[in-house]
C-alpha atoms as a PDB file:
ATOM      1  CA  MET A   1      95.371 105.441  82.470  1.00  0.00           C
ATOM      2  CA  ALA A   2      97.672 105.958  85.366  1.00  0.00           C
ATOM      3  CA  GLY A   3      99.990 108.153  83.278  1.00  0.00           C
ATOM      4  CA  GLU A   4      97.062 110.536  82.836  1.00  0.00           C
ATOM      5  CA  TYR A   5      97.051 111.596  86.397  1.00  0.00           C
ATOM      6  CA  ARG A   6      98.586 114.884  87.014  1.00  0.00           C
ATOM      7  CA  GLU A   7      98.391 115.058  90.774  1.00  0.00           C
ATOM      8  CA  TYR A   8     101.637 113.319  91.297  1.00  0.00           C
ATOM      9  CA  ASN A   9     104.673 112.216  89.272  1.00  0.00           C
ATOM     10  CA  TYR A  10     103.772 108.906  87.874  1.00  0.00           C
ATOM     11  CA  VAL A  11     106.555 106.333  87.699  1.00  0.00           C
ATOM     12  CA  ALA A  12     106.092 103.448  85.327  1.00  0.00           C
ATOM     13  CA  ALA A  13     106.129 100.049  87.026  1.00  0.00           C
ATOM     14  CA  ASP A  14     109.136  97.987  86.114  1.00  0.00           C
ATOM     15  CA  THR A  15     110.441  94.686  87.116  1.00  0.00           C
ATOM     16  CA  ILE A  16     112.839  94.198  90.098  1.00  0.00           C
ATOM     17  CA  ASP A  17     115.760  91.968  90.273  1.00  0.00           C
ATOM     18  CA  VAL A  18     115.659  90.390  93.622  1.00  0.00           C
ATOM     19  CA  SER A  19     119.373  89.774  93.601  1.00  0.00           C
ATOM     20  CA  GLU A  20     120.013  93.542  93.367  1.00  0.00           C
ATOM     21  CA  LEU A  21     118.171  94.267  96.608  1.00  0.00           C
ATOM     22  CA  GLU A  22     120.145  95.092  99.784  1.00  0.00           C
ATOM     23  CA  PRO A  23     119.836  92.422 102.442  1.00  0.00           C
ATOM     24  CA  LEU A  24     117.525  92.901 105.285  1.00  0.00           C
ATOM     25  CA  ASP A  25     119.090  94.270 108.528  1.00  0.00           C
ATOM     26  CA  PRO A  26     119.057  91.714 111.453  1.00  0.00           C
ATOM     27  CA  GLU A  27     116.308  93.322 113.297  1.00  0.00           C
ATOM     28  CA  THR A  28     113.923  93.305 110.323  1.00  0.00           C
ATOM     29  CA  LYS A  29     115.009  89.748 109.508  1.00  0.00           C
ATOM     30  CA  LYS A  30     114.129  88.583 112.903  1.00  0.00           C
ATOM     31  CA  ILE A  31     110.616  90.234 112.785  1.00  0.00           C
ATOM     32  CA  MET A  32     109.991  88.749 109.403  1.00  0.00           C
ATOM     33  CA  LYS A  33     111.052  85.296 110.574  1.00  0.00           C
ATOM     34  CA  SER A  34     108.804  85.390 113.731  1.00  0.00           C
ATOM     35  CA  GLU A  35     105.878  86.590 111.557  1.00  0.00           C
ATOM     36  CA  PHE A  36     106.401  83.750 109.091  1.00  0.00           C
ATOM     37  CA  SER A  37     106.709  81.234 111.858  1.00  0.00           C
ATOM     38  CA  THR A  38     103.558  82.334 113.441  1.00  0.00           C
ATOM     39  CA  GLY A  39     101.700  82.391 110.139  1.00  0.00           C
ATOM     40  CA  ILE A  40     102.802  78.876 109.299  1.00  0.00           C
ATOM     41  CA  LYS A  41     101.838  77.400 112.691  1.00  0.00           C
ATOM     42  CA  LEU A  42      98.408  78.976 112.450  1.00  0.00           C
ATOM     43  CA  THR A  43      97.948  77.856 108.896  1.00  0.00           C
ATOM     44  CA  LEU A  44      98.893  74.288 109.675  1.00  0.00           C
ATOM     45  CA  PHE A  45      96.533  74.219 112.628  1.00  0.00           C
ATOM     46  CA  TYR A  46      93.630  75.359 110.274  1.00  0.00           C
ATOM     47  CA  TYR A  47      94.609  72.927 107.566  1.00  0.00           C
ATOM     48  CA  VAL A  48      94.757  69.980 110.001  1.00  0.00           C
ATOM     49  CA  PHE A  49      91.161  70.870 111.077  1.00  0.00           C
ATOM     50  CA  ILE A  50      89.868  71.355 107.580  1.00  0.00           C
ATOM     51  CA  LEU A  51      91.501  68.064 106.340  1.00  0.00           C
ATOM     52  CA  SER A  52      90.164  66.228 109.462  1.00  0.00           C
ATOM     53  CA  ILE A  53      86.573  66.786 108.305  1.00  0.00           C
ATOM     54  CA  PRO A  54      86.667  64.476 105.306  1.00  0.00           C
ATOM     55  CA  ILE A  55      88.618  61.914 107.415  1.00  0.00           C
ATOM     56  CA  LEU A  56      85.791  62.075 110.128  1.00  0.00           C
ATOM     57  CA  ASN A  57      83.254  61.795 107.353  1.00  0.00           C
ATOM     58  CA  TRP A  58      84.902  58.552 106.201  1.00  0.00           C
ATOM     59  CA  TYR A  59      85.632  56.934 109.538  1.00  0.00           C
ATOM     60  CA  ALA A  60      82.807  58.276 111.797  1.00  0.00           C
ATOM     61  CA  GLY A  61      80.133  58.802 109.026  1.00  0.00           C
ATOM     62  CA  GLU A  62      77.272  57.752 111.251  1.00  0.00           C
ATOM     63  CA  PHE A  63      78.145  60.485 113.652  1.00  0.00           C
ATOM     64  CA  MET A  64      79.062  63.189 111.144  1.00  0.00           C
ATOM     65  CA  PHE A  65      75.974  62.761 109.142  1.00  0.00           C
ATOM     66  CA  SER A  66      73.610  62.629 112.089  1.00  0.00           C
ATOM     67  CA  ARG A  67      71.297  65.591 112.399  1.00  0.00           C
ATOM     68  CA  MET A  68      71.666  68.544 114.861  1.00  0.00           C
ATOM     69  CA  TRP A  69      69.084  71.185 115.368  1.00  0.00           C
ATOM     70  CA  GLY A  70      67.402  72.545 112.264  1.00  0.00           C
ATOM     71  CA  GLY A  71      68.446  69.393 110.281  1.00  0.00           C
ATOM     72  CA  MET A  72      72.092  70.516 109.965  1.00  0.00           C
ATOM     73  CA  THR A  73      74.481  67.655 110.139  1.00  0.00           C
ATOM     74  CA  TYR A  74      77.777  67.791 112.300  1.00  0.00           C
ATOM     75  CA  SER A  75      79.779  67.677 109.134  1.00  0.00           C
ATOM     76  CA  TRP A  76      78.151  70.864 107.736  1.00  0.00           C
ATOM     77  CA  PHE A  77      78.286  72.447 111.240  1.00  0.00           C
ATOM     78  CA  LEU A  78      82.113  71.831 111.348  1.00  0.00           C
ATOM     79  CA  THR A  79      82.649  72.859 107.835  1.00  0.00           C
ATOM     80  CA  SER A  80      80.649  76.228 108.069  1.00  0.00           C
ATOM     81  CA  ILE A  81      80.110  77.480 111.477  1.00  0.00           C
ATOM     82  CA  VAL A  82      83.206  76.236 113.281  1.00  0.00           C
ATOM     83  CA  ALA A  83      85.697  76.782 110.473  1.00  0.00           C
ATOM     84  CA  MET A  84      84.490  80.335 110.179  1.00  0.00           C
ATOM     85  CA  ALA A  85      84.947  80.841 113.904  1.00  0.00           C
ATOM     86  CA  MET A  86      88.233  79.387 113.734  1.00  0.00           C
ATOM     87  CA  ALA A  87      89.241  81.744 110.901  1.00  0.00           C
ATOM     88  CA  PHE A  88      88.256  84.687 113.134  1.00  0.00           C
ATOM     89  CA  ILE A  89      90.053  83.284 116.164  1.00  0.00           C
ATOM     90  CA  ILE A  90      93.146  82.578 114.196  1.00  0.00           C
ATOM     91  CA  ALA A  91      93.136  86.260 112.701  1.00  0.00           C
ATOM     92  CA  PHE A  92      92.618  87.468 116.311  1.00  0.00           C
ATOM     93  CA  ILE A  93      95.587  85.511 117.640  1.00  0.00           C
ATOM     94  CA  HIS A  94      97.852  86.519 114.799  1.00  0.00           C
ATOM     95  CA  THR A  95      96.961  90.146 115.259  1.00  0.00           C
ATOM     96  CA  ASN A  96      97.508  90.043 119.010  1.00  0.00           C
ATOM     97  CA  LEU A  97     100.943  88.319 118.608  1.00  0.00           C
ATOM     98  CA  TYR A  98     101.872  90.924 116.074  1.00  0.00           C
ATOM     99  CA  GLU A  99     100.967  93.812 118.306  1.00  0.00           C
ATOM    100  CA  LYS A 100     102.777  92.242 121.146  1.00  0.00           C
ATOM    101  CA  ARG A 101     105.946  91.843 119.050  1.00  0.00           C
ATOM    102  CA  LEU A 102     105.452  95.449 117.780  1.00  0.00           C
ATOM    103  CA  LYS A 103     105.309  96.798 121.384  1.00  0.00           C
ATOM    104  CA  GLN A 104     108.378  94.855 122.303  1.00  0.00           C
ATOM    105  CA  HIS A 105     110.220  96.282 119.355  1.00  0.00           C
ATOM    106  CA  GLN A 106     109.140  99.831 120.138  1.00  0.00           C
ATOM    107  CA  ALA A 107     110.183  99.415 123.728  1.00  0.00           C
ATOM    108  CA  GLN A 108     113.583  98.179 122.776  1.00  0.00           C
ATOM    109  CA  GLN A 109     113.952 101.019 120.304  1.00  0.00           C
ATOM    110  CA  SER A 110     113.081 103.643 122.881  1.00  0.00           C
ATOM    111  CA  ALA A 111     115.317 102.181 125.524  1.00  0.00           C
ATOM    112  CA  SER A 112     118.366 102.138 123.224  1.00  0.00           C
ATOM    113  CA  PRO A 113     118.567 105.086 120.929  1.00  0.00           C
ATOM    114  CA  THR A 114     120.993 104.393 118.150  1.00  0.00           C
ATOM    115  CA  ASP A 115     122.514 107.889 117.872  1.00  0.00           C
ATOM    116  CA  GLY A 116     122.291 108.888 121.470  1.00  0.00           C
ATOM    117  CA  ARG A 117     119.063 110.980 121.125  1.00  0.00           C
ATOM    118  CA  ARG A 118     115.720 110.069 122.552  1.00  0.00           C
ATOM    119  CA  ILE A 119     112.713 110.903 120.499  1.00  0.00           C
ATOM    120  CA  GLY A 120     109.378 111.502 122.187  1.00  0.00           C
END
């Protein structure tokens, strides 16, 4: 399959021993740590919301199963409409925070060239 392509030199996939990889430089390690931290916080926020719906169904069943417009219950409204909106908002927040960190990183790189040269 992939070995049949002649447009490029095909290199067979192999396993990589993680212990043989070079450690990350401090700057990349810092960026990865901040990305992971942001992702965990946003994920926990979403999970708390999603897990609160069954709890609300149990303890506030009369309200959660009461009808809104069109016959939709509050439980379904939170599960479908609000959860989807939250997913988009979380993705927007994560993207904006990433772009902000990227701009800060680029500003630091342009302010302090490593070998004495400025590019751009």
